[in-house]
């Protein structure tokens, strides 16, 4: 068992190492990017990676407070599904209605890896190998898809 402080330090070390590992990788637009805190430039649309003691998850999170606006964004992603999945080279799970860790309503599109533990440094290569190609693929998709959301901004 880890204390809260130890667990926090281990998670922080993982994300630091992951960030250092990806730092030489430029975005699809040829720019230096903070892969861990990826900025989509569209309010309420984020790419989130998370790892805990059982799973690693990467997701597109739609967190617009207005459920009708969030639904419009989700429908826009559905229209882009045929463009997204070839970039990812796999099918992801689509959840129009979900909740985040704070209990707020969100929509999400995600992929989950089970059987890994971020607290076990032996699992870090598998977690990194899970996250790296997917966040890079999301960036490649987003470099062209983000413009389709310009008309949805209120």
N, C-alpha and C. Protein backbone atom coordinates (compact mmCIF):
# COMPACT_ATOMS: atom_id res chain seq x y z
N UNK A 1 0.83 -1.17 0.00
CA UNK A 1 0.00 0.00 0.00
C UNK A 1 0.88 1.25 0.00
N UNK A 2 0.45 2.20 -0.74
CA UNK A 2 1.17 3.47 -0.81
C UNK A 2 0.39 4.53 -0.05
N UNK A 3 1.12 5.44 0.57
CA UNK A 3 0.46 6.60 1.15
C UNK A 3 -0.04 7.48 0.00
N UNK A 4 -0.92 8.40 0.30
CA UNK A 4 -1.43 9.30 -0.72
C UNK A 4 -0.29 10.07 -1.36
N UNK A 5 0.67 10.51 -0.54
CA UNK A 5 1.83 11.26 -1.04
C UNK A 5 2.70 10.40 -1.96
N UNK A 6 2.96 9.15 -1.55
CA UNK A 6 3.77 8.26 -2.38
C UNK A 6 3.09 7.97 -3.71
N UNK A 7 1.79 7.71 -3.66
CA UNK A 7 1.03 7.44 -4.89
C UNK A 7 1.08 8.65 -5.82
N UNK A 8 0.94 9.84 -5.27
CA UNK A 8 0.99 11.06 -6.06
C UNK A 8 2.37 11.22 -6.71
N UNK A 9 3.42 10.94 -5.96
CA UNK A 9 4.78 11.07 -6.49
C UNK A 9 5.04 10.06 -7.60
N UNK A 10 4.54 8.84 -7.45
CA UNK A 10 4.73 7.82 -8.50
C UNK A 10 3.99 8.22 -9.77
N UNK A 11 2.74 8.68 -9.62
CA UNK A 11 1.99 9.13 -10.79
C UNK A 11 2.70 10.31 -11.48
N UNK A 12 3.16 11.24 -10.67
CA UNK A 12 3.86 12.40 -11.22
C UNK A 12 5.13 11.95 -11.97
N UNK A 13 5.85 11.00 -11.40
CA UNK A 13 7.06 10.49 -12.07
C UNK A 13 6.70 9.84 -13.40
N UNK A 14 5.61 9.06 -13.43
CA UNK A 14 5.20 8.44 -14.69
C UNK A 14 4.93 9.51 -15.74
N UNK A 15 4.12 10.52 -15.40
CA UNK A 15 3.75 11.53 -16.39
C UNK A 15 4.96 12.36 -16.81
N UNK A 16 5.89 12.58 -15.92
CA UNK A 16 7.12 13.29 -16.27
C UNK A 16 7.92 12.48 -17.28
N UNK A 17 8.08 11.20 -17.01
CA UNK A 17 8.83 10.32 -17.93
C UNK A 17 8.12 10.22 -19.27
N UNK A 18 6.80 10.07 -19.24
CA UNK A 18 6.03 10.01 -20.48
C UNK A 18 6.21 11.29 -21.28
N UNK A 19 6.11 12.43 -20.61
CA UNK A 19 6.30 13.72 -21.28
C UNK A 19 7.69 13.86 -21.89
N UNK A 20 8.71 13.41 -21.17
CA UNK A 20 10.08 13.47 -21.69
C UNK A 20 10.24 12.55 -22.89
N UNK A 21 9.60 11.39 -22.83
CA UNK A 21 9.67 10.42 -23.92
C UNK A 21 9.05 10.99 -25.20
N UNK A 22 7.96 11.72 -25.06
CA UNK A 22 7.27 12.26 -26.24
C UNK A 22 7.75 13.65 -26.65
N UNK A 23 8.53 14.31 -25.81
CA UNK A 23 8.90 15.70 -26.11
C UNK A 23 9.58 15.90 -27.47
N UNK A 24 10.38 14.97 -27.98
CA UNK A 24 10.96 15.21 -29.31
C UNK A 24 9.94 15.10 -30.45
N UNK A 25 8.80 14.49 -30.18
CA UNK A 25 7.77 14.27 -31.21
C UNK A 25 7.04 15.58 -31.50
N UNK A 26 7.11 16.05 -32.73
CA UNK A 26 6.38 17.26 -33.12
C UNK A 26 4.94 16.90 -33.46
N UNK A 27 4.08 17.90 -33.40
CA UNK A 27 2.68 17.69 -33.76
C UNK A 27 2.57 17.45 -35.27
N UNK A 28 1.37 17.09 -35.71
CA UNK A 28 1.13 16.87 -37.14
C UNK A 28 1.35 18.16 -37.93
N UNK A 29 1.23 19.30 -37.25
CA UNK A 29 1.47 20.59 -37.90
C UNK A 29 2.93 21.02 -37.80
N UNK A 30 3.79 20.14 -37.25
CA UNK A 30 5.22 20.44 -37.15
C UNK A 30 5.60 21.33 -35.97
N UNK A 31 4.72 21.41 -34.98
CA UNK A 31 4.97 22.28 -33.83
C UNK A 31 5.35 21.48 -32.59
N UNK A 32 6.08 22.11 -31.71
CA UNK A 32 6.39 21.53 -30.40
C UNK A 32 5.08 21.54 -29.61
N UNK A 33 4.82 20.49 -28.88
CA UNK A 33 3.51 20.35 -28.22
C UNK A 33 3.66 19.72 -26.85
N UNK A 34 2.79 20.09 -25.95
CA UNK A 34 2.72 19.44 -24.64
C UNK A 34 1.70 18.31 -24.77
N UNK A 35 2.20 17.10 -24.97
CA UNK A 35 1.33 15.96 -25.24
C UNK A 35 0.44 15.60 -24.05
N UNK A 36 0.93 15.81 -22.86
CA UNK A 36 0.16 15.43 -21.67
C UNK A 36 -1.02 16.36 -21.46
N UNK A 37 -0.83 17.64 -21.69
CA UNK A 37 -1.90 18.63 -21.56
C UNK A 37 -2.26 19.17 -22.94
N UNK A 38 -2.68 18.26 -23.80
CA UNK A 38 -2.97 18.60 -25.19
C UNK A 38 -4.07 19.65 -25.26
N UNK A 39 -3.81 20.72 -25.95
CA UNK A 39 -4.78 21.80 -26.13
C UNK A 39 -5.44 21.67 -27.50
N UNK A 40 -6.75 21.43 -27.51
CA UNK A 40 -7.46 21.30 -28.78
C UNK A 40 -7.80 22.66 -29.38
N UNK A 41 -7.86 23.69 -28.54
CA UNK A 41 -8.24 25.01 -29.02
C UNK A 41 -9.74 25.20 -29.15
N UNK A 42 -10.50 24.16 -28.81
CA UNK A 42 -11.96 24.24 -28.87
C UNK A 42 -12.49 24.06 -27.44
N UNK A 43 -13.17 25.07 -26.91
CA UNK A 43 -13.68 24.96 -25.54
C UNK A 43 -14.60 23.75 -25.37
N UNK A 44 -14.37 23.01 -24.29
CA UNK A 44 -15.20 21.85 -24.01
C UNK A 44 -14.79 20.58 -24.72
N UNK A 45 -13.72 20.64 -25.52
CA UNK A 45 -13.20 19.45 -26.20
C UNK A 45 -11.77 19.24 -25.72
N UNK A 46 -11.53 18.08 -25.11
CA UNK A 46 -10.17 17.80 -24.63
C UNK A 46 -9.81 16.36 -24.91
N UNK A 47 -8.51 16.13 -24.99
CA UNK A 47 -7.96 14.78 -25.10
C UNK A 47 -7.35 14.47 -23.75
N UNK A 48 -7.77 13.38 -23.14
CA UNK A 48 -7.31 13.07 -21.80
C UNK A 48 -6.75 11.66 -21.74
N UNK A 49 -5.60 11.54 -21.09
CA UNK A 49 -5.01 10.25 -20.81
C UNK A 49 -5.03 10.06 -19.29
N UNK A 50 -5.34 8.85 -18.86
CA UNK A 50 -5.39 8.57 -17.44
C UNK A 50 -4.91 7.14 -17.22
N UNK A 51 -4.19 6.96 -16.13
CA UNK A 51 -3.73 5.62 -15.75
C UNK A 51 -3.92 5.46 -14.26
N UNK A 52 -4.44 4.31 -13.86
CA UNK A 52 -4.63 4.04 -12.43
C UNK A 52 -4.09 2.65 -12.11
N UNK A 53 -4.59 2.05 -11.06
CA UNK A 53 -4.04 0.76 -10.62
C UNK A 53 -4.61 -0.42 -11.39
N UNK A 54 -5.54 -0.18 -12.31
CA UNK A 54 -6.14 -1.28 -13.07
C UNK A 54 -6.16 -1.06 -14.57
N UNK A 55 -6.17 0.22 -14.98
CA UNK A 55 -6.38 0.52 -16.39
C UNK A 55 -5.57 1.73 -16.85
N UNK A 56 -5.49 1.85 -18.15
CA UNK A 56 -5.00 3.07 -18.81
C UNK A 56 -6.07 3.43 -19.83
N UNK A 57 -6.44 4.71 -19.87
CA UNK A 57 -7.52 5.16 -20.74
C UNK A 57 -7.10 6.42 -21.47
N UNK A 58 -7.42 6.46 -22.75
CA UNK A 58 -7.25 7.69 -23.53
C UNK A 58 -8.61 8.03 -24.09
N UNK A 59 -8.96 9.32 -24.03
CA UNK A 59 -10.32 9.69 -24.41
C UNK A 59 -10.39 11.08 -25.03
N UNK A 60 -11.40 11.24 -25.86
CA UNK A 60 -11.85 12.54 -26.29
C UNK A 60 -13.01 12.86 -25.36
N UNK A 61 -12.88 13.95 -24.62
CA UNK A 61 -13.89 14.34 -23.65
C UNK A 61 -14.62 15.58 -24.14
N UNK A 62 -15.94 15.51 -24.14
CA UNK A 62 -16.78 16.66 -24.48
C UNK A 62 -17.45 17.09 -23.18
N UNK A 63 -17.10 18.28 -22.71
CA UNK A 63 -17.54 18.71 -21.38
C UNK A 63 -18.33 20.02 -21.40
N UNK A 64 -18.97 20.33 -22.50
CA UNK A 64 -19.77 21.55 -22.56
C UNK A 64 -20.87 21.45 -21.50
N UNK A 65 -21.09 22.52 -20.71
CA UNK A 65 -22.09 22.46 -19.65
C UNK A 65 -23.53 22.30 -20.16
N UNK A 66 -23.81 22.87 -21.33
CA UNK A 66 -25.15 22.77 -21.91
C UNK A 66 -25.28 21.42 -22.61
N UNK A 67 -26.22 20.57 -22.18
CA UNK A 67 -26.34 19.23 -22.78
C UNK A 67 -26.68 19.27 -24.27
N UNK A 68 -27.42 20.28 -24.71
CA UNK A 68 -27.75 20.38 -26.14
C UNK A 68 -26.51 20.70 -26.97
N UNK A 69 -25.67 21.58 -26.45
CA UNK A 69 -24.42 21.91 -27.15
C UNK A 69 -23.50 20.70 -27.17
N UNK A 70 -23.39 20.01 -26.02
CA UNK A 70 -22.56 18.81 -25.95
C UNK A 70 -23.04 17.76 -26.95
N UNK A 71 -24.35 17.63 -27.09
CA UNK A 71 -24.92 16.68 -28.05
C UNK A 71 -24.55 17.06 -29.48
N UNK A 72 -24.57 18.37 -29.80
CA UNK A 72 -24.16 18.82 -31.13
C UNK A 72 -22.71 18.46 -31.42
N UNK A 73 -21.85 18.65 -30.43
CA UNK A 73 -20.45 18.31 -30.60
C UNK A 73 -20.28 16.80 -30.80
N UNK A 74 -21.01 16.02 -30.01
CA UNK A 74 -20.92 14.56 -30.14
C UNK A 74 -21.39 14.13 -31.53
N UNK A 75 -22.48 14.73 -32.00
CA UNK A 75 -22.97 14.41 -33.35
C UNK A 75 -21.95 14.79 -34.41
N UNK A 76 -21.23 15.89 -34.20
CA UNK A 76 -20.19 16.28 -35.14
C UNK A 76 -19.08 15.23 -35.17
N UNK A 77 -18.71 14.73 -33.99
CA UNK A 77 -17.71 13.66 -33.95
C UNK A 77 -18.24 12.41 -34.65
N UNK A 78 -19.52 12.10 -34.47
CA UNK A 78 -20.10 10.94 -35.16
C UNK A 78 -19.96 11.09 -36.67
N UNK A 79 -20.16 12.31 -37.17
CA UNK A 79 -20.00 12.54 -38.61
C UNK A 79 -18.55 12.36 -39.05
N UNK A 80 -17.63 12.57 -38.11
CA UNK A 80 -16.20 12.43 -38.43
C UNK A 80 -15.66 11.03 -38.12
N UNK A 81 -16.53 10.14 -37.67
CA UNK A 81 -16.11 8.80 -37.25
C UNK A 81 -15.34 8.06 -38.36
N UNK A 82 -15.81 8.19 -39.59
CA UNK A 82 -15.13 7.51 -40.70
C UNK A 82 -13.75 8.09 -40.96
N UNK A 83 -13.51 9.29 -40.49
CA UNK A 83 -12.19 9.91 -40.61
C UNK A 83 -11.33 9.57 -39.38
N UNK A 84 -11.96 9.52 -38.21
CA UNK A 84 -11.25 9.27 -36.97
C UNK A 84 -10.70 7.85 -36.88
N UNK A 85 -11.55 6.87 -37.11
CA UNK A 85 -11.12 5.48 -36.90
C UNK A 85 -9.97 5.04 -37.80
N UNK A 86 -9.90 5.48 -39.05
CA UNK A 86 -8.70 5.13 -39.84
C UNK A 86 -7.41 5.72 -39.25
N UNK A 87 -7.50 6.92 -38.66
CA UNK A 87 -6.32 7.50 -38.01
C UNK A 87 -5.91 6.65 -36.81
N UNK A 88 -6.90 6.20 -36.07
CA UNK A 88 -6.62 5.40 -34.87
C UNK A 88 -6.29 3.95 -35.21
N UNK A 89 -6.75 3.49 -36.36
CA UNK A 89 -6.55 2.11 -36.81
C UNK A 89 -7.20 1.11 -35.85
N UNK A 90 -8.30 1.54 -35.22
CA UNK A 90 -9.04 0.66 -34.32
C UNK A 90 -10.37 1.33 -33.97
N UNK A 91 -11.28 0.56 -33.44
CA UNK A 91 -12.57 1.09 -32.99
C UNK A 91 -12.45 1.54 -31.54
N UNK A 92 -13.07 2.66 -31.22
CA UNK A 92 -13.13 3.15 -29.85
C UNK A 92 -14.56 3.05 -29.35
N UNK A 93 -14.75 3.23 -28.06
CA UNK A 93 -16.07 3.18 -27.45
C UNK A 93 -16.65 4.59 -27.46
N UNK A 94 -17.90 4.70 -27.89
CA UNK A 94 -18.58 5.98 -28.01
C UNK A 94 -19.68 6.05 -26.95
N UNK A 95 -19.58 7.02 -26.05
CA UNK A 95 -20.55 7.21 -24.98
C UNK A 95 -21.14 8.62 -25.06
N UNK A 96 -22.36 8.74 -25.58
CA UNK A 96 -22.96 10.08 -25.66
C UNK A 96 -23.30 10.66 -24.29
N UNK A 97 -23.55 9.79 -23.32
CA UNK A 97 -23.88 10.26 -21.97
C UNK A 97 -23.01 9.50 -20.97
N UNK A 98 -22.20 10.25 -20.23
CA UNK A 98 -21.31 9.67 -19.23
C UNK A 98 -21.12 10.72 -18.13
N UNK A 99 -20.36 10.36 -17.12
CA UNK A 99 -20.00 11.32 -16.08
C UNK A 99 -18.50 11.26 -15.86
N UNK A 100 -17.94 12.40 -15.48
CA UNK A 100 -16.51 12.43 -15.17
C UNK A 100 -16.30 12.09 -13.70
N UNK A 101 -15.04 12.16 -13.26
CA UNK A 101 -14.70 11.79 -11.88
C UNK A 101 -15.33 12.72 -10.85
N UNK A 102 -15.79 13.89 -11.29
CA UNK A 102 -16.45 14.84 -10.39
C UNK A 102 -17.98 14.72 -10.43
N UNK A 103 -18.47 13.80 -11.24
CA UNK A 103 -19.91 13.60 -11.35
C UNK A 103 -20.60 14.51 -12.36
N UNK A 104 -19.82 15.29 -13.11
CA UNK A 104 -20.40 16.17 -14.14
C UNK A 104 -20.73 15.37 -15.39
N UNK A 105 -21.80 15.77 -16.07
CA UNK A 105 -22.20 15.12 -17.31
C UNK A 105 -21.21 15.46 -18.42
N UNK A 106 -20.80 14.45 -19.15
CA UNK A 106 -19.89 14.60 -20.28
C UNK A 106 -20.32 13.62 -21.36
N UNK A 107 -19.69 13.73 -22.51
CA UNK A 107 -19.71 12.70 -23.54
C UNK A 107 -18.27 12.30 -23.75
N UNK A 108 -18.04 11.06 -24.15
CA UNK A 108 -16.66 10.67 -24.38
C UNK A 108 -16.55 9.58 -25.43
N UNK A 109 -15.40 9.59 -26.04
CA UNK A 109 -15.00 8.60 -27.02
C UNK A 109 -13.66 8.10 -26.52
N UNK A 110 -13.54 6.80 -26.26
CA UNK A 110 -12.34 6.37 -25.56
C UNK A 110 -11.90 4.95 -25.91
N UNK A 111 -10.68 4.67 -25.50
CA UNK A 111 -10.09 3.34 -25.60
C UNK A 111 -9.44 3.04 -24.26
N UNK A 112 -9.64 1.83 -23.78
CA UNK A 112 -9.14 1.46 -22.46
C UNK A 112 -8.26 0.21 -22.57
N UNK A 113 -7.20 0.21 -21.80
CA UNK A 113 -6.31 -0.94 -21.67
C UNK A 113 -6.45 -1.44 -20.23
N UNK A 114 -6.73 -2.71 -20.06
CA UNK A 114 -6.87 -3.26 -18.71
C UNK A 114 -5.63 -4.09 -18.36
N UNK A 115 -5.50 -4.40 -17.08
CA UNK A 115 -4.41 -5.26 -16.63
C UNK A 115 -3.08 -4.55 -16.46
N UNK A 116 -3.11 -3.22 -16.36
CA UNK A 116 -1.89 -2.47 -16.10
C UNK A 116 -2.08 -1.63 -14.85
N UNK A 117 -0.97 -1.32 -14.20
CA UNK A 117 -0.99 -0.58 -12.95
C UNK A 117 0.08 0.50 -13.01
N UNK A 118 -0.33 1.75 -13.01
CA UNK A 118 0.62 2.86 -13.09
C UNK A 118 1.56 2.87 -11.89
N UNK A 119 1.18 2.23 -10.78
CA UNK A 119 2.03 2.19 -9.60
C UNK A 119 3.17 1.17 -9.75
N UNK A 120 3.05 0.30 -10.75
CA UNK A 120 4.07 -0.71 -11.01
C UNK A 120 4.94 -0.24 -12.18
N UNK A 121 6.16 0.14 -11.88
CA UNK A 121 7.04 0.68 -12.92
C UNK A 121 7.30 -0.33 -14.04
N UNK A 122 7.11 -1.60 -13.76
CA UNK A 122 7.26 -2.61 -14.80
C UNK A 122 6.17 -2.50 -15.87
N UNK A 123 5.04 -1.89 -15.51
CA UNK A 123 3.94 -1.70 -16.47
C UNK A 123 4.09 -0.43 -17.29
N UNK A 124 5.00 0.46 -16.90
CA UNK A 124 5.12 1.73 -17.60
C UNK A 124 5.40 1.59 -19.09
N UNK A 125 6.29 0.68 -19.52
CA UNK A 125 6.49 0.56 -20.98
C UNK A 125 5.20 0.19 -21.73
N UNK A 126 4.38 -0.67 -21.15
CA UNK A 126 3.12 -1.05 -21.80
C UNK A 126 2.16 0.13 -21.84
N UNK A 127 2.10 0.89 -20.76
CA UNK A 127 1.20 2.05 -20.72
C UNK A 127 1.66 3.11 -21.72
N UNK A 128 2.95 3.36 -21.75
CA UNK A 128 3.50 4.33 -22.71
C UNK A 128 3.24 3.86 -24.14
N UNK A 129 3.44 2.57 -24.39
CA UNK A 129 3.19 2.01 -25.73
C UNK A 129 1.71 2.07 -26.11
N UNK A 130 0.85 2.09 -25.13
CA UNK A 130 -0.59 2.24 -25.36
C UNK A 130 -0.92 3.69 -25.70
N UNK A 131 -0.41 4.63 -24.90
CA UNK A 131 -0.74 6.04 -25.08
C UNK A 131 -0.10 6.67 -26.31
N UNK A 132 1.18 6.41 -26.53
CA UNK A 132 1.93 7.14 -27.55
C UNK A 132 1.29 7.11 -28.95
N UNK A 133 1.04 5.95 -29.54
CA UNK A 133 0.50 5.99 -30.90
C UNK A 133 -0.90 6.59 -30.97
N UNK A 134 -1.66 6.45 -29.89
CA UNK A 134 -3.03 6.96 -29.90
C UNK A 134 -3.08 8.48 -29.78
N UNK A 135 -2.26 9.06 -28.92
CA UNK A 135 -2.28 10.53 -28.80
C UNK A 135 -1.71 11.16 -30.07
N UNK A 136 -0.72 10.52 -30.68
CA UNK A 136 -0.17 11.03 -31.94
C UNK A 136 -1.23 10.93 -33.04
N UNK A 137 -1.96 9.82 -33.08
CA UNK A 137 -3.03 9.66 -34.07
C UNK A 137 -4.16 10.65 -33.85
N UNK A 138 -4.50 10.90 -32.58
CA UNK A 138 -5.53 11.92 -32.30
C UNK A 138 -5.07 13.28 -32.80
N UNK A 139 -3.80 13.60 -32.60
CA UNK A 139 -3.26 14.87 -33.08
C UNK A 139 -3.35 14.95 -34.61
N UNK A 140 -3.01 13.88 -35.30
CA UNK A 140 -3.08 13.87 -36.76
C UNK A 140 -4.51 14.09 -37.23
N UNK A 141 -5.45 13.40 -36.59
CA UNK A 141 -6.87 13.58 -36.89
C UNK A 141 -7.29 15.03 -36.62
N UNK A 142 -6.92 15.54 -35.45
CA UNK A 142 -7.37 16.86 -35.03
C UNK A 142 -6.80 17.98 -35.89
N UNK A 143 -5.63 17.78 -36.47
CA UNK A 143 -5.02 18.84 -37.28
C UNK A 143 -5.90 19.23 -38.46
N UNK A 144 -6.73 18.32 -38.93
CA UNK A 144 -7.66 18.66 -40.01
C UNK A 144 -9.11 18.76 -39.52
N UNK A 145 -9.49 17.95 -38.54
CA UNK A 145 -10.89 17.90 -38.09
C UNK A 145 -11.30 19.12 -37.27
N UNK A 146 -10.37 19.77 -36.61
CA UNK A 146 -10.74 20.86 -35.70
C UNK A 146 -11.50 21.98 -36.40
N UNK A 147 -11.26 22.17 -37.68
CA UNK A 147 -11.91 23.25 -38.41
C UNK A 147 -13.40 23.01 -38.60
N UNK A 148 -13.84 21.77 -38.53
CA UNK A 148 -15.27 21.48 -38.67
C UNK A 148 -16.06 21.92 -37.45
N UNK A 149 -15.37 22.26 -36.36
CA UNK A 149 -16.05 22.68 -35.15
C UNK A 149 -16.18 24.20 -35.06
N UNK A 150 -15.61 24.92 -36.01
CA UNK A 150 -15.68 26.39 -35.98
C UNK A 150 -17.12 26.90 -35.98
N UNK A 151 -17.98 26.26 -36.74
CA UNK A 151 -19.37 26.71 -36.83
C UNK A 151 -20.18 26.39 -35.57
N UNK A 152 -19.67 25.52 -34.71
CA UNK A 152 -20.40 25.16 -33.50
C UNK A 152 -20.09 26.07 -32.32
N UNK A 153 -19.09 26.90 -32.44
CA UNK A 153 -18.73 27.78 -31.33
C UNK A 153 -19.80 28.85 -31.12
N UNK A 154 -20.16 29.01 -29.88
CA UNK A 154 -21.23 29.96 -29.54
C UNK A 154 -20.67 31.16 -28.83
